[in-house]
Each structure stands twice: as C-alpha cells, then as structure tokens.
Protein backbone atom coordinates (compact mmCIF):
# COMPACT_ATOMS: atom_id res chain seq x y z
CA MET A 1 73.11 76.15 93.10
CA LEU A 2 75.72 78.86 92.67
CA ARG A 3 77.84 79.85 95.66
CA ASN A 4 77.82 83.40 96.92
CA GLU A 5 80.60 85.65 95.72
CA THR A 6 83.38 86.37 98.15
CA GLY A 7 85.33 89.59 98.46
CA PRO A 8 84.65 93.01 96.90
CA GLU A 9 85.13 91.88 93.27
CA SER A 10 81.93 90.70 91.54
CA ILE A 11 81.85 87.97 88.93
CA GLY A 12 81.31 90.61 86.25
CA LYS A 13 84.29 92.68 87.34
CA ARG A 14 86.43 89.57 87.65
CA LEU A 15 85.42 88.43 84.16
CA ARG A 16 86.28 91.82 82.69
CA ARG A 17 89.65 91.97 84.48
CA LEU A 18 90.65 88.49 83.33
CA ARG A 19 89.53 89.20 79.77
CA LEU A 20 91.54 92.45 79.58
CA GLU A 21 94.61 90.82 81.17
CA ARG A 22 94.53 88.34 78.28
CA GLN A 23 93.91 91.11 75.76
CA LEU A 24 90.68 89.54 74.51
CA SER A 25 87.65 91.34 73.19
CA GLN A 26 84.16 90.27 74.17
CA ARG A 27 83.69 88.82 70.67
CA GLU A 28 86.95 86.83 70.95
CA LEU A 29 85.87 85.42 74.32
CA ALA A 30 82.44 84.46 73.02
CA SER A 31 81.63 80.86 72.13
CA PRO A 32 78.55 78.86 71.07
CA GLY A 33 75.87 79.45 73.71
CA VAL A 34 77.80 82.36 75.26
CA SER A 35 77.44 85.39 73.00
CA TYR A 36 79.43 88.59 73.27
CA ALA A 37 76.19 90.37 74.25
CA TYR A 38 75.69 87.86 77.07
CA ILE A 39 79.27 88.51 78.21
CA SER A 40 78.65 92.25 78.10
CA ARG A 41 75.61 91.93 80.36
CA ILE A 42 77.58 89.76 82.83
CA GLU A 43 80.37 92.33 83.00
CA ALA A 44 77.83 95.09 83.53
CA GLY A 45 76.32 93.16 86.44
CA ALA A 46 73.00 92.74 84.64
CA ARG A 47 73.19 88.94 84.40
CA ARG A 48 74.49 86.09 86.49
CA PRO A 49 76.19 83.46 84.35
CA SER A 50 74.83 79.93 84.24
CA VAL A 51 76.96 76.99 85.35
CA LYS A 52 77.47 76.07 81.68
CA ALA A 53 78.56 79.61 80.81
CA LEU A 54 80.97 79.68 83.74
CA ARG A 55 82.62 76.49 82.53
CA GLN A 56 83.03 77.74 78.97
CA LEU A 57 84.34 81.14 80.01
CA ALA A 58 86.74 79.67 82.56
CA ARG A 59 88.13 77.27 79.97
CA LYS A 60 88.84 80.08 77.47
CA LEU A 61 90.35 82.31 80.17
CA GLY A 62 92.54 79.51 81.50
CA VAL A 63 91.25 79.63 85.10
CA SER A 64 89.20 77.28 87.24
CA VAL A 65 85.43 77.58 87.45
CA GLU A 66 85.86 78.11 91.21
CA TYR A 67 88.17 81.07 90.68
CA LEU A 68 85.91 82.73 88.13
CA GLU A 69 82.88 82.29 90.39
CA THR A 70 84.38 83.15 93.79
CA GLY A 71 87.85 84.60 93.29
CA SER A 72 89.42 81.50 94.84
CA ASP A 73 90.72 78.34 93.21
CA LEU A 74 89.48 76.29 96.15
CA ARG A 75 86.09 74.67 96.43
CA GLU A 76 84.15 75.49 99.60
CA VAL A 77 85.06 72.16 101.19
CA ASP A 78 88.73 72.60 100.24
CA GLU A 79 88.79 76.17 101.53
CA ARG A 80 87.35 74.96 104.83
CA GLU A 81 89.96 72.22 105.03
CA LEU A 82 92.71 74.78 104.42
CA ARG A 83 91.46 76.98 107.26
CA LEU A 84 91.14 73.94 109.48
CA SER A 85 94.70 72.81 108.75
CA ASP A 86 95.98 76.32 109.43
CA ALA A 87 94.15 76.39 112.79
CA GLU A 88 95.52 72.96 113.75
CA LEU A 89 99.05 74.15 112.96
CA GLU A 90 98.61 77.32 115.01
CA LEU A 91 97.49 75.24 117.97
CA ARG A 92 100.52 72.98 117.68
CA LEU A 93 102.78 76.03 117.60
CA GLY A 94 100.96 77.63 120.53
CA GLN A 95 100.19 80.81 118.58
CA ASN A 96 97.08 82.91 119.34
CA VAL A 97 95.35 79.97 121.02
CA GLU A 98 92.22 81.89 122.03
CA GLY A 99 91.74 83.33 118.53
CA THR A 100 92.40 79.95 116.96
CA GLU A 101 89.78 78.27 119.13
CA GLN A 102 87.26 80.91 118.05
CA ALA A 103 88.13 80.20 114.41
CA LEU A 104 87.70 76.46 115.02
CA ASN A 105 84.27 76.99 116.55
CA SER A 106 83.30 78.99 113.47
CA ILE A 107 84.60 76.25 111.17
CA LEU A 108 82.69 73.66 113.21
CA ASP A 109 79.43 75.59 112.80
CA GLU A 110 80.04 75.96 109.05
CA ALA A 111 80.87 72.28 108.65
CA ILE A 112 77.75 71.18 110.51
CA ALA A 113 75.59 73.51 108.41
CA ALA A 114 77.16 72.22 105.19
CA GLY A 115 76.92 68.56 106.22
CA ASP A 116 80.71 68.26 106.09
CA THR A 117 81.06 65.55 108.74
CA LYS A 118 84.77 65.01 108.13
CA ALA A 119 85.65 68.66 108.81
CA ALA A 120 83.27 68.79 111.78
CA LEU A 121 85.02 65.79 113.37
CA ARG A 122 88.46 67.35 112.83
CA ALA A 123 87.30 70.63 114.35
CA ARG A 124 85.86 68.87 117.40
CA VAL A 125 89.09 66.94 117.88
CA ALA A 126 91.22 70.08 117.55
CA LEU A 127 89.05 71.91 120.07
CA GLY A 128 89.26 68.94 122.45
CA VAL A 129 93.04 68.68 122.20
CA ALA A 130 93.31 72.46 122.71
CA ALA A 131 91.14 72.22 125.82
CA ALA A 132 93.34 69.41 127.16
CA SER A 133 96.50 71.43 126.52
CA GLY A 134 94.95 74.38 128.32
CA GLY A 135 94.14 72.29 131.40
CA ARG A 136 90.37 72.38 130.75
CA ASN A 137 90.11 68.66 131.28
CA ALA A 138 86.35 68.25 131.74
CA GLU A 139 85.69 70.22 128.53
CA ALA A 140 88.30 68.18 126.69
CA ILE A 141 86.70 64.90 127.76
CA GLU A 142 83.27 66.13 126.67
CA ARG A 143 84.63 66.93 123.20
CA LEU A 144 87.02 64.00 122.72
CA GLU A 145 84.94 61.06 123.97
CA PRO A 146 82.35 61.29 121.14
CA ALA A 147 85.09 61.94 118.57
CA ALA A 148 87.09 58.93 119.72
CA GLN A 149 84.19 56.64 118.79
CA SER A 150 84.85 57.49 115.12
CA LEU A 151 88.64 57.24 115.27
CA SER A 152 90.90 54.24 115.76
CA PRO A 153 93.77 54.47 118.25
CA ALA A 154 96.32 53.80 115.50
CA SER A 155 94.96 56.59 113.28
CA ARG A 156 94.76 59.30 115.96
CA PRO A 157 96.87 58.31 118.97
CA ASP A 158 97.04 61.95 120.06
CA VAL A 159 93.29 61.94 120.72
CA TYR A 160 93.50 58.92 122.99
CA GLU A 161 96.65 60.18 124.71
CA ALA A 162 94.93 63.50 125.50
CA LEU A 163 91.79 61.73 126.70
CA GLY A 164 93.73 59.42 129.02
CA ARG A 165 95.75 62.34 130.35
CA CYS A 166 92.54 64.24 131.15
CA TYR A 167 91.11 61.27 133.05
CA ALA A 168 94.28 61.12 135.15
CA ALA A 169 94.25 64.89 135.69
CA LEU A 170 90.77 64.61 137.20
CA GLY A 171 91.97 61.83 139.51
CA ASP A 172 90.42 58.94 137.57
CA THR A 173 93.64 57.00 136.95
CA ARG A 174 91.81 53.66 136.71
CA ARG A 175 89.79 54.97 133.77
CA SER A 176 93.03 56.05 132.12
CA VAL A 177 94.44 52.53 132.57
CA ASP A 178 91.31 50.98 131.06
CA LEU A 179 91.44 53.33 128.06
CA PHE A 180 95.07 52.62 127.20
CA ARG A 181 94.66 48.89 127.78
CA THR A 182 91.77 48.90 125.31
CA CYS A 183 93.86 50.91 122.83
CA LEU A 184 96.73 48.44 123.08
CA GLU A 185 94.38 45.49 122.54
CA ASN A 186 92.85 47.29 119.55
CA VAL A 187 96.27 47.82 117.97
CA ARG A 188 97.24 44.18 118.56
CA GLU A 189 94.08 42.97 116.82
CA ASP A 190 93.68 45.50 113.99
CA ALA A 191 97.30 46.43 113.27
CA PRO A 192 99.56 43.63 114.57
CA ASP A 193 102.47 44.80 112.40
CA ASP A 194 102.28 48.41 113.57
CA THR A 195 105.13 48.22 116.05
CA ALA A 196 105.31 51.98 116.56
CA SER A 197 101.67 52.17 117.66
CA HIS A 198 102.14 49.12 119.87
CA ILE A 199 105.05 50.72 121.69
CA ARG A 200 103.31 54.09 121.88
CA PHE A 201 100.26 52.69 123.69
CA ALA A 202 102.38 50.34 125.80
CA THR A 203 104.25 53.36 127.13
CA TYR A 204 101.02 55.28 127.74
CA LEU A 205 99.64 52.27 129.60
CA SER A 206 102.81 52.02 131.66
CA TYR A 207 102.47 55.68 132.69
CA ALA A 208 98.89 55.07 133.79
CA LEU A 209 99.75 51.86 135.66
CA THR A 210 102.62 53.65 137.39
CA ASP A 211 100.20 56.37 138.48
CA THR A 212 98.01 53.72 140.13
CA GLY A 213 101.05 52.27 141.90
CA ASP A 214 101.06 49.01 139.90
CA LEU A 215 104.79 49.09 139.11
CA GLU A 216 105.03 45.34 138.48
CA GLN A 217 102.40 45.42 135.72
CA ALA A 218 103.91 48.60 134.29
CA GLU A 219 107.28 46.88 134.06
CA SER A 220 105.70 43.83 132.38
CA VAL A 221 104.03 46.00 129.74
CA LEU A 222 107.28 47.86 129.06
CA ASN A 223 109.33 44.67 128.81
CA GLU A 224 106.97 43.39 126.14
CA ALA A 225 107.35 46.65 124.25
CA LEU A 226 111.12 46.55 124.68
CA GLY A 227 111.15 43.16 122.99
CA ARG A 228 109.80 44.79 119.82
CA ALA A 229 111.97 47.91 119.96
CA ASP A 230 114.56 46.55 117.50
CA GLU A 231 111.86 46.58 114.82
CA VAL A 232 111.47 50.35 115.15
CA VAL A 233 113.58 53.02 113.48
CA ASP A 234 111.31 55.94 114.37
CA ALA A 235 113.10 58.18 116.87
CA TYR A 236 109.94 59.31 118.68
CA THR A 237 108.87 55.74 119.40
CA ARG A 238 112.23 54.99 120.96
CA VAL A 239 112.06 58.24 122.94
CA ARG A 240 108.69 57.25 124.42
CA LEU A 241 110.06 53.86 125.41
CA TYR A 242 113.24 55.24 127.00
CA TRP A 243 111.19 57.89 128.78
CA SER A 244 108.81 55.38 130.28
CA LEU A 245 111.67 53.14 131.35
CA ALA A 246 113.39 56.12 132.99
CA ARG A 247 110.24 57.04 134.90
CA LEU A 248 109.68 53.48 136.07
CA SER A 249 113.33 53.01 137.09
CA GLY A 250 113.16 56.19 139.14
CA LEU A 251 110.11 54.96 141.03
CA GLN A 252 111.82 51.61 141.62
CA ASP A 253 114.70 53.45 143.30
CA GLN A 254 117.12 52.75 140.44
CA PRO A 255 118.30 56.32 139.69
CA ALA A 256 121.41 55.30 137.76
CA ALA A 257 119.36 53.25 135.28
CA ALA A 258 116.76 56.02 135.12
CA LEU A 259 119.41 58.61 134.28
CA ASP A 260 120.85 56.36 131.57
CA TYR A 261 117.46 55.99 129.90
CA VAL A 262 116.62 59.67 130.06
CA ARG A 263 120.00 60.61 128.57
CA ARG A 264 119.28 58.27 125.65
CA ALA A 265 115.94 60.04 125.19
CA ILE A 266 117.61 63.47 125.26
CA ALA A 267 120.17 62.40 122.66
CA LEU A 268 117.41 61.31 120.28
CA LEU A 269 115.32 64.42 120.91
CA GLU A 270 118.26 66.72 120.18
CA VAL A 271 118.46 65.10 116.75
CA THR A 272 114.73 65.59 116.11
CA GLU A 273 114.78 69.22 117.37
CA ASP A 274 111.52 68.58 119.24
CA THR A 275 111.81 71.34 121.84
CA LEU A 276 108.71 70.44 123.88
CA HIS A 277 109.70 66.84 124.50
CA LEU A 278 113.33 67.85 124.91
CA ALA A 279 112.23 70.27 127.64
CA ARG A 280 110.32 67.49 129.39
CA ALA A 281 113.33 65.20 129.11
CA HIS A 282 115.59 67.80 130.75
CA LEU A 283 112.99 68.19 133.50
CA LEU A 284 112.95 64.43 134.12
CA CYS A 285 116.74 64.35 134.09
CA GLY A 286 116.86 67.05 136.76
CA THR A 287 114.27 65.19 138.84
CA ILE A 288 116.37 62.03 138.75
CA MET A 289 119.51 63.97 139.66
CA MET A 290 117.76 65.33 142.74
CA SER A 291 116.80 61.79 143.77
CA GLN A 292 120.54 61.13 143.78
CA GLY A 293 121.16 64.18 145.98
CA ARG A 294 122.71 66.19 143.11
CA ALA A 295 120.65 69.35 143.60
CA GLU A 296 123.31 71.76 142.30
CA GLU A 297 123.72 69.85 139.03
CA ALA A 298 119.96 69.60 138.57
CA GLY A 299 119.72 73.39 138.29
CA SER A 300 121.12 73.48 134.75
CA GLN A 301 118.62 70.82 133.67
CA PHE A 302 115.71 72.87 135.01
CA ASP A 303 117.09 76.03 133.38
CA ALA A 304 117.26 74.21 130.04
CA ALA A 305 113.72 72.91 130.49
CA GLU A 306 112.37 76.40 131.28
CA ARG A 307 114.09 77.90 128.24
CA LEU A 308 112.75 75.19 125.94
CA PHE A 309 109.19 75.36 127.31
CA GLY A 310 109.06 78.97 126.13
CA PRO A 311 106.92 81.86 127.36
CA ARG A 312 103.58 79.98 127.37
CA PRO A 313 104.11 76.48 128.77
CA ASP A 314 101.34 73.97 129.31
CA PRO A 315 99.98 74.46 132.88
CA LEU A 316 100.95 70.93 133.90
CA ASP A 317 104.47 71.35 132.49
CA LEU A 318 104.83 74.66 134.33
CA ALA A 319 103.58 73.11 137.57
CA SER A 320 105.99 70.16 137.29
CA LEU A 321 108.91 72.50 136.61
CA ARG A 322 108.08 74.87 139.48
CA THR A 323 107.52 71.97 141.89
CA ASP A 324 110.93 70.50 141.09
CA GLN A 325 112.56 73.93 141.30
CA ALA A 326 110.92 74.38 144.71
CA LYS A 327 112.20 70.98 145.88
CA ARG A 328 115.69 71.89 144.69
CA ALA A 329 115.58 75.23 146.50
CA ALA A 330 114.48 73.44 149.67
CA MET A 331 117.32 70.91 149.35
CA LEU A 332 119.72 73.85 149.11
CA GLY A 333 118.17 75.53 152.18
CA ARG A 334 116.55 78.39 150.29
CA GLY A 335 113.18 78.62 152.00
CA PRO A 336 111.72 81.80 150.45
CA GLU A 337 112.73 80.69 146.96
CA ALA A 338 111.16 77.26 147.52
CA GLU A 339 107.95 78.86 148.75
CA SER A 340 107.75 81.17 145.73
CA PHE A 341 108.25 78.37 143.19
CA ALA A 342 105.79 76.08 144.98
CA ARG A 343 103.05 78.70 145.15
CA GLU A 344 103.39 79.21 141.41
CA ALA A 345 103.03 75.46 140.91
CA VAL A 346 99.90 75.31 143.06
CA ALA A 347 98.38 78.23 141.14
CA ALA A 348 99.13 76.61 137.77
CA LEU A 349 97.36 73.39 138.77
CA GLY A 350 94.15 74.96 140.03
CA ASP A 351 91.67 72.33 141.17
CA GLU A 352 92.85 69.52 138.88
CA ASN A 353 95.70 66.97 138.78
CA PRO A 354 95.38 65.94 142.47
CA ALA A 355 98.56 63.85 142.46
CA GLU A 356 100.58 66.79 141.10
CA GLN A 357 98.84 69.05 143.61
CA GLY A 358 100.09 66.79 146.38
CA LEU A 359 103.67 67.16 145.17
CA ALA A 360 103.32 70.95 144.86
CA TRP A 361 101.85 71.31 148.35
CA ALA A 362 104.63 69.10 149.72
CA ALA A 363 107.24 71.37 148.15
CA LEU A 364 105.46 74.40 149.58
CA ALA A 365 105.42 72.81 153.02
CA GLU A 366 109.18 72.25 152.88
CA GLY A 367 109.73 75.87 151.90
CA LEU A 368 107.54 77.05 154.79
CA ALA A 369 109.28 74.65 157.21
CA LEU A 370 112.68 76.10 156.34
CA GLN A 371 111.32 79.48 157.41
CA ASP A 372 109.75 78.07 160.61
CA LYS A 373 106.31 79.23 159.51
CA ASP A 374 103.35 77.79 161.43
CA ALA A 375 101.48 77.09 158.17
CA ALA A 376 103.99 74.34 157.34
CA ASP A 377 102.19 71.77 159.54
CA GLU A 378 98.80 72.12 157.87
CA THR A 379 100.43 72.32 154.43
CA PHE A 380 102.26 69.03 155.04
CA ARG A 381 98.95 67.51 156.13
CA LYS A 382 97.19 68.67 152.94
CA ALA A 383 100.04 67.28 150.79
CA ALA A 384 100.02 63.93 152.60
CA ASP A 385 96.25 63.56 152.25
CA LEU A 386 96.39 64.24 148.50
CA LEU A 387 99.32 61.90 147.94
CA GLN A 388 97.82 59.10 150.01
CA GLU A 389 94.64 59.18 147.93
CA HIS A 390 96.02 59.99 144.48
CA GLY A 391 99.82 59.77 144.44
CA HIS A 392 102.65 57.25 144.77
CA HIS A 393 103.51 55.75 148.13
CA VAL A 394 107.15 56.73 147.47
CA ASP A 395 106.18 60.41 147.31
CA LEU A 396 103.98 60.07 150.38
CA THR A 397 106.87 58.49 152.31
CA ASP A 398 109.24 61.33 151.32
CA THR A 399 106.63 63.90 152.36
CA CYS A 400 105.98 62.22 155.70
CA ARG A 401 109.70 62.08 156.44
CA ALA A 402 110.07 65.80 155.74
CA TRP A 403 106.99 66.48 157.87
CA ALA A 404 108.39 64.40 160.72
CA ARG A 405 111.69 66.32 160.58
CA TYR A 406 109.78 69.58 160.86
CA LEU A 407 107.76 68.28 163.84
CA ARG A 408 110.88 67.05 165.65
CA LYS A 409 112.56 70.39 165.08
CA SER A 410 109.49 71.98 166.68
CA GLY A 411 109.77 69.67 169.70
CA ARG A 412 106.73 67.58 168.74
CA ASP A 413 108.35 64.14 168.78
CA SER A 414 105.14 62.21 169.49
CA GLU A 415 103.40 63.73 166.46
CA ALA A 416 106.47 63.01 164.34
CA LEU A 417 106.24 59.32 165.23
CA ASP A 418 102.56 59.28 164.28
CA VAL A 419 103.41 60.72 160.86
CA LEU A 420 106.16 58.14 160.27
CA ASP A 421 103.79 55.39 161.38
CA ARG A 422 101.28 56.60 158.78
CA ALA A 423 103.90 56.30 156.03
CA ALA A 424 104.94 52.83 157.23
CA LYS A 425 101.34 51.58 157.09
CA VAL A 426 100.91 52.87 153.53
CA ASN A 427 104.16 51.20 152.47
CA ALA A 428 103.13 47.92 154.07
CA SER A 429 99.76 48.07 152.32
CA SER A 430 101.45 48.78 149.00
CA ARG A 431 103.83 45.83 149.39
CA ALA A 432 100.91 43.56 150.27
CA GLN A 433 99.02 44.61 147.15
CA THR A 434 102.11 43.94 145.03
CA LEU A 435 102.49 40.44 146.49
CA ASN A 436 98.83 39.70 145.85
C-alpha cells in the first residue's frame, strides 16, 4: 500500500519539478509501461502512480522511490528512528525536556500503531530515563521495569542504573542491591570477558551496599573489581571505580584516601570533558574536604560543581550541592546562609530520596540552631528519624552530636545525653551487624 504524501508538494508536482530540473521532456522520461501520457496525468494530479511506475520514474530521475513518493529519502521506519535518535540526544543534552517527552510519546504511539516494536521499546526506555532524571521515580520504574525484561544489563547499563537509582530514591535500597547483584551475575555468566561492564555493575552494587550500611561487602565487591582494573583502558570505567572507592573510603573515615581517589577521577574526567560527572566529582571532593575540617577550601569545589551542573541540574544533584553548601555555611558560622541553602535542598527533594532528605533536614537544623531558632529542635528530630531509618549511621551520629550541642547550649543537658545515647545505640547495633 502506498504511503500518504507528506508536506505541501504532491507527487505530481514533485515529479514535474524533478523532470524540469533535469531538463527532460515527458517523452524523454517515458519508458515501457510508463507512457508520456501517463506521466502527464500524474503531473496533473489525475492519476496516482503504481509502485512499478514509481520505481521506473525514480530510476530515470536518479532519486530514491521514497523521495519521489514522500519527498524524503527515508523510509517510514527510518524517519521514525531519526526522530527518536534526535529526541534521545536532546534529553541527554537537557534541552527542551518537556517538549522532547511529548515528541517521544507521539513516536511511541506511532511505533505501536505501526507494529515497530524496536522503536516502541526505545521510546519507552527514553521516557523512563527522562522520568528518572526528572525525579519522577515511580513513573520511571513503571516504564523501565517492563523494558528491562527485553534488555540485557551489558547492552543497556543506563536502564538498570536508572532503575536501581529510582528504587533507592523511594527508600527501597534492598531492592536496588538485589537488582545490581543480579546484573553483575548476568554479566559474569553471559559476558565474562566484558571487564568494563563487570566494573560498572560492581561499582553500582557497591553504592547500593553502602547505602544499606554494608560497608564490608561493598569493599569486597570493589576489591574484586579493582583486581580487573588493569584490563581496562576506558576512562569512564576507571572513573566509576575511583569514585566508588572514594565514597567508601570517606564512609570508613579515611578522608585522605578518599581525596586521593576523587582527584584521580577528576583528572580523568577533565580529559573526557564530561561536565556532568566532573561536576559530581568536584562535589564529592568538597564533601571530603569538609570531613577534614577544610570548609574554606571546599567552597571552590562547590562553586566549580555549580558552574558545571549548569542552569537546570538534576533535582538530586541540586539537593546534594545545596545540602553540602548549607553544611559548609554552618561550619563557618553563617546561620542564615545555611538555612537558605538547606531549604532549597529540601524543596528540590520533595517527598522522595529519604536518606538525602535526612541530610538536608540536618543541615537546615544546624542553620536554625546557629540562629537560636526554636524550630531547630524539631528539625533535628525529623533529620535523625529519617537518617536512622534510611541513612548511614555515620550521618546519624554527626546529626545527633550537632543536636546535642544545640540542646546543651539551650541548657537542656539531660535531653542532650538522651540524644547521644540514641546515637551510641545505633552505632553499637551497626557494629554488631558487621561482626555477624
């Protein structure tokens, strides 16, 4: 069946234009089975050419059948793939995200109607990844889970990374661990020589294990990956590994080692000119500097991160940056500035990412405490509750210590001791779990 014409130019008008451009008469263009009278009627709009006639005319005019019929050299499936690729690129560049998602939904409807399952899958994945980037985690999971059943971890690691990140954002860190563990096992079985994929999913698994507080297992997974690192020349794979090692070292109270790893990651990222990951590396570097008490120096790292994130950062990236900027302001005794940054972090997170919420509320509490505001007490409590349920015991301990300082300053020594006792019990429980 012939496709519908596209654009204002009809087949007849297009045929006439091409014929005149080549300085051919209707008789000269004619061929057996396609008479000059037949050509005349096509150009006049009185006849639609048959498929056979289209092929013969296209051959003599030196154009494709697709171009003569539609005005485009692309077949319908190819044209759809081109639009899909363009939309995927726009999403990666962060340009006109809302308009691009609308275009993807339109492509998805077209692909389903045409039975183009390959394009439909790509559109679903792109929409899912876009939802994840926009912090719409439940929507992203709904789109990506069915798509992941048709894609292997090695072929589309970005799909599985986004899916695991969404699980964690909704507080289901155990599900994230299970997903990345399954991905790593899949890569080991189906692609044992794919070292880059092995290291990629090992680092993702280490992030997830770290989020659950299982630092020992996270370290074991990373050490295995580190043993294969010499086989890899890909800069991004090494960046992921250094990044994960930096994060783990920081949580193990080894800031010097953490800073060394993150500086290696930054050096590689500067070569690749990957501004997003370079921004995140500067953010991590500043975080580690603050753990060493170097708040002044950390400022330039956060400034670099903010510049590299650009005008429309991912909500989670923005929240992490503002939380760290709030902590830095608090360390420097700038209460109002800390409060302002922390409130922006809380707003960026909304109702998701409970562990990150705990950190943002803790930073807000410190800003309020510096200003002797009564709301500081309840804000510390909210932060501690979130961190105890979803965060790291290290962060909970830091928050409880800051809370206790505020209570002592307010003359509430007994309550301060209760808060410190709470942190001690959580630490003892965490050590017991590690030993078991």
